[in-house]
């Protein structure tokens, strides 16, 4: 009897989680919603990776919104930069 246990491929899980995040961001179809639920129940690693990536995604979105409020001064033309005095 063969007792080989196949370990999940982390690159594959991260890639799939990234694809699901992109789909979630644009909105899921009914079929995609069902497929995401199946994927999430396949393994604990799928859930963990997706939730960790979603947290990072949210942080990046927050940083993006902050960067709109506080533009990078180094990218402004010299005449718009404040001088220290």
PDB file of N, CA and C in Angstrom:
ATOM      1  N   UNK A   1       0.835  -1.173   0.000  1.00  0.00           N
ATOM      2  CA  UNK A   1       0.000   0.000   0.000  1.00  0.00           C
ATOM      3  C   UNK A   1       0.886   1.245   0.000  1.00  0.00           C
ATOM      4  N   UNK A   2       0.538   2.181  -0.826  1.00  0.00           N
ATOM      5  CA  UNK A   2       1.306   3.398  -0.978  1.00  0.00           C
ATOM      6  C   UNK A   2       0.778   4.467  -0.018  1.00  0.00           C
ATOM      7  N   UNK A   3       1.666   4.976   0.835  1.00  0.00           N
ATOM      8  CA  UNK A   3       1.252   5.980   1.812  1.00  0.00           C
ATOM      9  C   UNK A   3       1.958   7.310   1.557  1.00  0.00           C
ATOM     10  N   UNK A   4       1.884   7.773   0.350  1.00  0.00           N
ATOM     11  CA  UNK A   4       2.507   9.040  -0.001  1.00  0.00           C
ATOM     12  C   UNK A   4       1.519  10.166   0.283  1.00  0.00           C
ATOM     13  N   UNK A   5       2.003  11.127   1.050  1.00  0.00           N
ATOM     14  CA  UNK A   5       1.176  12.307   1.332  1.00  0.00           C
ATOM     15  C   UNK A   5       1.738  13.461   0.507  1.00  0.00           C
ATOM     16  N   UNK A   6       0.905  14.040  -0.325  1.00  0.00           N
ATOM     17  CA  UNK A   6       1.356  15.126  -1.174  1.00  0.00           C
ATOM     18  C   UNK A   6       1.176  16.457  -0.437  1.00  0.00           C
ATOM     19  N   UNK A   7       2.278  17.182  -0.302  1.00  0.00           N
ATOM     20  CA  UNK A   7       2.227  18.482   0.348  1.00  0.00           C
ATOM     21  C   UNK A   7       1.794  19.537  -0.660  1.00  0.00           C
ATOM     22  N   UNK A   8       1.057  20.531  -0.189  1.00  0.00           N
ATOM     23  CA  UNK A   8       0.594  21.571  -1.111  1.00  0.00           C
ATOM     24  C   UNK A   8       1.754  22.377  -1.676  1.00  0.00           C
ATOM     25  N   UNK A   9       1.612  22.765  -2.910  1.00  0.00           N
ATOM     26  CA  UNK A   9       2.600  23.590  -3.576  1.00  0.00           C
ATOM     27  C   UNK A   9       2.320  25.042  -3.187  1.00  0.00           C
ATOM     28  N   UNK A  10       3.220  25.647  -2.403  1.00  0.00           N
ATOM     29  CA  UNK A  10       2.982  26.995  -1.889  1.00  0.00           C
ATOM     30  C   UNK A  10       2.881  28.026  -3.006  1.00  0.00           C
ATOM     31  N   UNK A  11       3.690  27.891  -4.049  1.00  0.00           N
ATOM     32  CA  UNK A  11       3.606  28.844  -5.159  1.00  0.00           C
ATOM     33  C   UNK A  11       2.233  28.780  -5.805  1.00  0.00           C
ATOM     34  N   UNK A  12       1.720  27.578  -5.963  1.00  0.00           N
ATOM     35  CA  UNK A  12       0.408  27.399  -6.578  1.00  0.00           C
ATOM     36  C   UNK A  12      -0.678  28.014  -5.699  1.00  0.00           C
ATOM     37  N   UNK A  13      -0.603  27.775  -4.400  1.00  0.00           N
ATOM     38  CA  UNK A  13      -1.604  28.307  -3.475  1.00  0.00           C
ATOM     39  C   UNK A  13      -1.578  29.831  -3.496  1.00  0.00           C
ATOM     40  N   UNK A  14      -0.388  30.428  -3.470  1.00  0.00           N
ATOM     41  CA  UNK A  14      -0.272  31.887  -3.503  1.00  0.00           C
ATOM     42  C   UNK A  14      -0.790  32.450  -4.824  1.00  0.00           C
ATOM     43  N   UNK A  15      -0.489  31.786  -5.909  1.00  0.00           N
ATOM     44  CA  UNK A  15      -0.968  32.225  -7.214  1.00  0.00           C
ATOM     45  C   UNK A  15      -2.495  32.175  -7.285  1.00  0.00           C
ATOM     46  N   UNK A  16      -3.060  31.073  -6.816  1.00  0.00           N
ATOM     47  CA  UNK A  16      -4.513  30.925  -6.828  1.00  0.00           C
ATOM     48  C   UNK A  16      -5.171  31.948  -5.907  1.00  0.00           C
ATOM     49  N   UNK A  17      -4.576  32.183  -4.748  1.00  0.00           N
ATOM     50  CA  UNK A  17      -5.126  33.174  -3.813  1.00  0.00           C
ATOM     51  C   UNK A  17      -5.102  34.566  -4.443  1.00  0.00           C
ATOM     52  N   UNK A  18      -4.034  34.883  -5.133  1.00  0.00           N
ATOM     53  CA  UNK A  18      -3.946  36.172  -5.817  1.00  0.00           C
ATOM     54  C   UNK A  18      -5.015  36.326  -6.882  1.00  0.00           C
ATOM     55  N   UNK A  19      -5.262  35.246  -7.620  1.00  0.00           N
ATOM     56  CA  UNK A  19      -6.318  35.274  -8.636  1.00  0.00           C
ATOM     57  C   UNK A  19      -7.687  35.478  -7.995  1.00  0.00           C
ATOM     58  N   UNK A  20      -7.921  34.807  -6.868  1.00  0.00           N
ATOM     59  CA  UNK A  20      -9.203  34.964  -6.178  1.00  0.00           C
ATOM     60  C   UNK A  20      -9.370  36.386  -5.649  1.00  0.00           C
ATOM     61  N   UNK A  21      -8.289  36.983  -5.154  1.00  0.00           N
ATOM     62  CA  UNK A  21      -8.384  38.357  -4.677  1.00  0.00           C
ATOM     63  C   UNK A  21      -8.753  39.318  -5.804  1.00  0.00           C
ATOM     64  N   UNK A  22      -8.136  39.121  -6.952  1.00  0.00           N
ATOM     65  CA  UNK A  22      -8.453  39.976  -8.100  1.00  0.00           C
ATOM     66  C   UNK A  22      -9.916  39.809  -8.506  1.00  0.00           C
ATOM     67  N   UNK A  23     -10.386  38.576  -8.492  1.00  0.00           N
ATOM     68  CA  UNK A  23     -11.795  38.321  -8.835  1.00  0.00           C
ATOM     69  C   UNK A  23     -12.728  38.927  -7.790  1.00  0.00           C
ATOM     70  N   UNK A  24     -12.370  38.792  -6.518  1.00  0.00           N
ATOM     71  CA  UNK A  24     -13.180  39.385  -5.457  1.00  0.00           C
ATOM     72  C   UNK A  24     -13.233  40.899  -5.592  1.00  0.00           C
ATOM     73  N   UNK A  25     -12.119  41.489  -5.988  1.00  0.00           N
ATOM     74  CA  UNK A  25     -12.043  42.939  -6.130  1.00  0.00           C
ATOM     75  C   UNK A  25     -12.986  43.453  -7.219  1.00  0.00           C
ATOM     76  N   UNK A  26     -13.119  42.700  -8.303  1.00  0.00           N
ATOM     77  CA  UNK A  26     -13.991  43.114  -9.403  1.00  0.00           C
ATOM     78  C   UNK A  26     -15.426  42.631  -9.224  1.00  0.00           C
ATOM     79  N   UNK A  27     -15.621  41.661  -8.330  1.00  0.00           N
ATOM     80  CA  UNK A  27     -16.951  41.094  -8.089  1.00  0.00           C
ATOM     81  C   UNK A  27     -17.052  39.701  -8.679  1.00  0.00           C
ATOM     82  N   UNK A  28     -17.598  38.773  -7.914  1.00  0.00           N
ATOM     83  CA  UNK A  28     -17.693  37.372  -8.328  1.00  0.00           C
ATOM     84  C   UNK A  28     -19.022  37.077  -9.007  1.00  0.00           C
ATOM     85  N   UNK A  29     -18.946  36.215 -10.009  1.00  0.00           N
ATOM     86  CA  UNK A  29     -20.174  35.667 -10.582  1.00  0.00           C
ATOM     87  C   UNK A  29     -20.669  34.582  -9.623  1.00  0.00           C
ATOM     88  N   UNK A  30     -21.874  34.096  -9.857  1.00  0.00           N
ATOM     89  CA  UNK A  30     -22.412  33.026  -8.997  1.00  0.00           C
ATOM     90  C   UNK A  30     -21.534  31.781  -9.069  1.00  0.00           C
ATOM     91  N   UNK A  31     -21.090  31.415 -10.279  1.00  0.00           N
ATOM     92  CA  UNK A  31     -20.224  30.233 -10.431  1.00  0.00           C
ATOM     93  C   UNK A  31     -18.898  30.430  -9.718  1.00  0.00           C
ATOM     94  N   UNK A  32     -18.329  31.630  -9.843  1.00  0.00           N
ATOM     95  CA  UNK A  32     -17.061  31.904  -9.173  1.00  0.00           C
ATOM     96  C   UNK A  32     -17.222  31.839  -7.653  1.00  0.00           C
ATOM     97  N   UNK A  33     -18.332  32.317  -7.148  1.00  0.00           N
ATOM     98  CA  UNK A  33     -18.586  32.276  -5.703  1.00  0.00           C
ATOM     99  C   UNK A  33     -18.591  30.822  -5.210  1.00  0.00           C
ATOM    100  N   UNK A  34     -19.241  29.943  -5.960  1.00  0.00           N
ATOM    101  CA  UNK A  34     -19.282  28.521  -5.604  1.00  0.00           C
ATOM    102  C   UNK A  34     -17.881  27.922  -5.674  1.00  0.00           C
ATOM    103  N   UNK A  35     -17.138  28.258  -6.731  1.00  0.00           N
ATOM    104  CA  UNK A  35     -15.779  27.718  -6.883  1.00  0.00           C
ATOM    105  C   UNK A  35     -14.847  28.234  -5.800  1.00  0.00           C
ATOM    106  N   UNK A  36     -15.009  29.485  -5.395  1.00  0.00           N
ATOM    107  CA  UNK A  36     -14.192  30.018  -4.301  1.00  0.00           C
ATOM    108  C   UNK A  36     -14.495  29.266  -3.008  1.00  0.00           C
ATOM    109  N   UNK A  37     -15.755  29.016  -2.731  1.00  0.00           N
ATOM    110  CA  UNK A  37     -16.113  28.275  -1.520  1.00  0.00           C
ATOM    111  C   UNK A  37     -15.497  26.882  -1.539  1.00  0.00           C
ATOM    112  N   UNK A  38     -15.541  26.221  -2.682  1.00  0.00           N
ATOM    113  CA  UNK A  38     -14.922  24.889  -2.792  1.00  0.00           C
ATOM    114  C   UNK A  38     -13.427  24.986  -2.529  1.00  0.00           C
ATOM    115  N   UNK A  39     -12.790  25.981  -3.138  1.00  0.00           N
ATOM    116  CA  UNK A  39     -11.341  26.151  -2.991  1.00  0.00           C
ATOM    117  C   UNK A  39     -10.980  26.414  -1.529  1.00  0.00           C
ATOM    118  N   UNK A  40     -11.776  27.239  -0.859  1.00  0.00           N
ATOM    119  CA  UNK A  40     -11.508  27.547   0.547  1.00  0.00           C
ATOM    120  C   UNK A  40     -11.636  26.321   1.435  1.00  0.00           C
ATOM    121  N   UNK A  41     -12.549  25.418   1.104  1.00  0.00           N
ATOM    122  CA  UNK A  41     -12.752  24.226   1.927  1.00  0.00           C
ATOM    123  C   UNK A  41     -11.805  23.081   1.571  1.00  0.00           C
ATOM    124  N   UNK A  42     -11.025  23.246   0.501  1.00  0.00           N
ATOM    125  CA  UNK A  42     -10.062  22.196   0.129  1.00  0.00           C
ATOM    126  C   UNK A  42      -8.968  22.036   1.176  1.00  0.00           C
ATOM    127  N   UNK A  43      -8.509  23.160   1.733  1.00  0.00           N
ATOM    128  CA  UNK A  43      -7.442  23.057   2.729  1.00  0.00           C
ATOM    129  C   UNK A  43      -7.401  24.294   3.607  1.00  0.00           C
ATOM    130  N   UNK A  44      -6.868  24.098   4.784  1.00  0.00           N
ATOM    131  CA  UNK A  44      -6.690  25.214   5.715  1.00  0.00           C
ATOM    132  C   UNK A  44      -5.684  26.203   5.140  1.00  0.00           C
ATOM    133  N   UNK A  45      -4.687  25.695   4.427  1.00  0.00           N
ATOM    134  CA  UNK A  45      -3.663  26.568   3.841  1.00  0.00           C
ATOM    135  C   UNK A  45      -4.291  27.541   2.843  1.00  0.00           C
ATOM    136  N   UNK A  46      -5.254  27.071   2.047  1.00  0.00           N
ATOM    137  CA  UNK A  46      -5.923  27.963   1.097  1.00  0.00           C
ATOM    138  C   UNK A  46      -6.566  29.133   1.833  1.00  0.00           C
ATOM    139  N   UNK A  47      -7.262  28.825   2.908  1.00  0.00           N
ATOM    140  CA  UNK A  47      -7.936  29.872   3.680  1.00  0.00           C
ATOM    141  C   UNK A  47      -6.925  30.827   4.302  1.00  0.00           C
ATOM    142  N   UNK A  48      -5.892  30.276   4.903  1.00  0.00           N
ATOM    143  CA  UNK A  48      -4.882  31.090   5.576  1.00  0.00           C
ATOM    144  C   UNK A  48      -4.194  32.027   4.593  1.00  0.00           C
ATOM    145  N   UNK A  49      -3.768  31.495   3.455  1.00  0.00           N
ATOM    146  CA  UNK A  49      -3.060  32.310   2.468  1.00  0.00           C
ATOM    147  C   UNK A  49      -3.979  33.400   1.911  1.00  0.00           C
ATOM    148  N   UNK A  50      -5.212  33.046   1.590  1.00  0.00           N
ATOM    149  CA  UNK A  50      -6.140  34.040   1.048  1.00  0.00           C
ATOM    150  C   UNK A  50      -6.378  35.153   2.064  1.00  0.00           C
ATOM    151  N   UNK A  51      -6.623  34.805   3.318  1.00  0.00           N
ATOM    152  CA  UNK A  51      -6.899  35.834   4.325  1.00  0.00           C
ATOM    153  C   UNK A  51      -5.669  36.700   4.592  1.00  0.00           C
ATOM    154  N   UNK A  52      -4.484  36.103   4.597  1.00  0.00           N
ATOM    155  CA  UNK A  52      -3.257  36.885   4.781  1.00  0.00           C
ATOM    156  C   UNK A  52      -3.035  37.838   3.604  1.00  0.00           C
ATOM    157  N   UNK A  53      -3.256  37.342   2.406  1.00  0.00           N
ATOM    158  CA  UNK A  53      -3.085  38.193   1.228  1.00  0.00           C
ATOM    159  C   UNK A  53      -4.145  39.293   1.194  1.00  0.00           C
ATOM    160  N   UNK A  54      -5.352  38.981   1.629  1.00  0.00           N
ATOM    161  CA  UNK A  54      -6.419  39.987   1.657  1.00  0.00           C
ATOM    162  C   UNK A  54      -6.063  41.098   2.647  1.00  0.00           C
ATOM    163  N   UNK A  55      -5.474  40.734   3.754  1.00  0.00           N
ATOM    164  CA  UNK A  55      -5.059  41.732   4.734  1.00  0.00           C
ATOM    165  C   UNK A  55      -3.997  42.650   4.139  1.00  0.00           C
ATOM    166  N   UNK A  56      -3.022  42.071   3.432  1.00  0.00           N
ATOM    167  CA  UNK A  56      -2.004  42.880   2.762  1.00  0.00           C
ATOM    168  C   UNK A  56      -2.627  43.767   1.691  1.00  0.00           C
ATOM    169  N   UNK A  57      -3.561  43.212   0.936  1.00  0.00           N
ATOM    170  CA  UNK A  57      -4.258  43.941  -0.121  1.00  0.00           C
ATOM    171  C   UNK A  57      -4.941  45.175   0.473  1.00  0.00           C
ATOM    172  N   UNK A  58      -5.611  44.989   1.614  1.00  0.00           N
ATOM    173  CA  UNK A  58      -6.287  46.101   2.278  1.00  0.00           C
ATOM    174  C   UNK A  58      -5.287  47.152   2.756  1.00  0.00           C
ATOM    175  N   UNK A  59      -4.171  46.708   3.290  1.00  0.00           N
ATOM    176  CA  UNK A  59      -3.145  47.655   3.743  1.00  0.00           C
ATOM    177  C   UNK A  59      -2.594  48.453   2.573  1.00  0.00           C
ATOM    178  N   UNK A  60      -2.357  47.776   1.441  1.00  0.00           N
ATOM    179  CA  UNK A  60      -1.847  48.473   0.259  1.00  0.00           C
ATOM    180  C   UNK A  60      -2.860  49.486  -0.235  1.00  0.00           C
ATOM    181  N   UNK A  61      -4.140  49.143  -0.176  1.00  0.00           N
ATOM    182  CA  UNK A  61      -5.184  50.071  -0.588  1.00  0.00           C
ATOM    183  C   UNK A  61      -5.189  51.293   0.324  1.00  0.00           C
ATOM    184  N   UNK A  62      -5.033  51.067   1.619  1.00  0.00           N
ATOM    185  CA  UNK A  62      -4.981  52.175   2.573  1.00  0.00           C
ATOM    186  C   UNK A  62      -3.773  53.060   2.299  1.00  0.00           C
ATOM    187  N   UNK A  63      -2.630  52.446   2.019  1.00  0.00           N
ATOM    188  CA  UNK A  63      -1.430  53.222   1.705  1.00  0.00           C
ATOM    189  C   UNK A  63      -1.621  54.029   0.432  1.00  0.00           C
ATOM    190  N   UNK A  64      -2.292  53.442  -0.536  1.00  0.00           N
ATOM    191  CA  UNK A  64      -2.553  54.148  -1.785  1.00  0.00           C
ATOM    192  C   UNK A  64      -3.416  55.379  -1.534  1.00  0.00           C
ATOM    193  N   UNK A  65      -4.446  55.225  -0.710  1.00  0.00           N
ATOM    194  CA  UNK A  65      -5.308  56.368  -0.387  1.00  0.00           C
ATOM    195  C   UNK A  65      -4.542  57.437   0.382  1.00  0.00           C
ATOM    196  N   UNK A  66      -3.641  57.011   1.272  1.00  0.00           N
ATOM    197  CA  UNK A  66      -2.827  57.975   2.001  1.00  0.00           C
ATOM    198  C   UNK A  66      -1.876  58.711   1.067  1.00  0.00           C
ATOM    199  N   UNK A  67      -1.323  58.006   0.103  1.00  0.00           N
ATOM    200  CA  UNK A  67      -0.390  58.654  -0.818  1.00  0.00           C
ATOM    201  C   UNK A  67      -1.096  59.714  -1.661  1.00  0.00           C
ATOM    202  N   UNK A  68      -2.403  59.547  -1.886  1.00  0.00           N
ATOM    203  CA  UNK A  68      -3.162  60.580  -2.581  1.00  0.00           C
ATOM    204  C   UNK A  68      -3.283  61.837  -1.721  1.00  0.00           C
ATOM    205  N   UNK A  69      -3.374  61.637  -0.407  1.00  0.00           N
ATOM    206  CA  UNK A  69      -3.495  62.773   0.506  1.00  0.00           C
ATOM    207  C   UNK A  69      -2.157  63.471   0.757  1.00  0.00           C
ATOM    208  N   UNK A  70      -1.081  62.684   0.736  1.00  0.00           N
ATOM    209  CA  UNK A  70       0.249  63.215   1.009  1.00  0.00           C
ATOM    210  C   UNK A  70       1.177  62.886  -0.151  1.00  0.00           C
ATOM    211  N   UNK A  71       1.147  63.691  -1.196  1.00  0.00           N
ATOM    212  CA  UNK A  71       1.962  63.384  -2.383  1.00  0.00           C
ATOM    213  C   UNK A  71       3.452  63.381  -2.053  1.00  0.00           C
ATOM    214  N   UNK A  72       4.174  62.625  -2.830  1.00  0.00           N
ATOM    215  CA  UNK A  72       5.616  62.498  -2.683  1.00  0.00           C
ATOM    216  C   UNK A  72       6.275  63.810  -3.103  1.00  0.00           C
ATOM    217  N   UNK A  73       6.866  64.494  -2.150  1.00  0.00           N
ATOM    218  CA  UNK A  73       7.476  65.794  -2.406  1.00  0.00           C
ATOM    219  C   UNK A  73       8.634  65.676  -3.387  1.00  0.00           C
ATOM    220  N   UNK A  74       9.346  64.576  -3.364  1.00  0.00           N
ATOM    221  CA  UNK A  74      10.508  64.431  -4.247  1.00  0.00           C
ATOM    222  C   UNK A  74      10.102  64.385  -5.715  1.00  0.00           C
ATOM    223  N   UNK A  75       8.831  64.128  -5.995  1.00  0.00           N
ATOM    224  CA  UNK A  75       8.368  64.095  -7.384  1.00  0.00           C
ATOM    225  C   UNK A  75       7.832  65.448  -7.852  1.00  0.00           C
ATOM    226  N   UNK A  76       7.757  66.390  -6.948  1.00  0.00           N
ATOM    227  CA  UNK A  76       7.277  67.712  -7.316  1.00  0.00           C
ATOM    228  C   UNK A  76       8.414  68.517  -7.944  1.00  0.00           C
ATOM    229  N   UNK A  77       8.065  69.421  -8.834  1.00  0.00           N
ATOM    230  CA  UNK A  77       9.096  70.302  -9.398  1.00  0.00           C
ATOM    231  C   UNK A  77       9.744  71.122  -8.283  1.00  0.00           C
ATOM    232  N   UNK A  78      11.006  71.494  -8.434  1.00  0.00           N
ATOM    233  CA  UNK A  78      11.719  72.211  -7.367  1.00  0.00           C
ATOM    234  C   UNK A  78      11.026  73.464  -6.877  1.00  0.00           C
ATOM    235  N   UNK A  79      10.351  74.188  -7.760  1.00  0.00           N
ATOM    236  CA  UNK A  79       9.709  75.441  -7.329  1.00  0.00           C
ATOM    237  C   UNK A  79       8.482  75.208  -6.446  1.00  0.00           C
ATOM    238  N   UNK A  80       7.991  73.954  -6.380  1.00  0.00           N
ATOM    239  CA  UNK A  80       6.831  73.651  -5.532  1.00  0.00           C
ATOM    240  C   UNK A  80       7.260  73.091  -4.163  1.00  0.00           C
ATOM    241  N   UNK A  81       8.519  72.731  -4.046  1.00  0.00           N
ATOM    242  CA  UNK A  81       9.009  72.163  -2.786  1.00  0.00           C
ATOM    243  C   UNK A  81       9.219  73.255  -1.759  1.00  0.00           C
ATOM    244  N   UNK A  82       8.926  72.935  -0.529  1.00  0.00           N
ATOM    245  CA  UNK A  82       9.183  73.890   0.558  1.00  0.00           C
ATOM    246  C   UNK A  82      10.659  73.943   0.843  1.00  0.00           C
ATOM    247  N   UNK A  83      11.118  75.088   1.163  1.00  0.00           N
ATOM    248  CA  UNK A  83      12.503  75.210   1.579  1.00  0.00           C
ATOM    249  C   UNK A  83      12.544  75.217   3.094  1.00  0.00           C
ATOM    250  N   UNK A  84      13.580  74.632   3.622  1.00  0.00           N
ATOM    251  CA  UNK A  84      13.762  74.622   5.076  1.00  0.00           C
ATOM    252  C   UNK A  84      14.470  75.896   5.476  1.00  0.00           C
ATOM    253  N   UNK A  85      13.948  76.471   6.523  1.00  0.00           N
ATOM    254  CA  UNK A  85      14.584  77.693   6.809  1.00  0.00           C
ATOM    255  C   UNK A  85      14.752  78.063   8.165  1.00  0.00           C
TER     256      UNK A  85
END
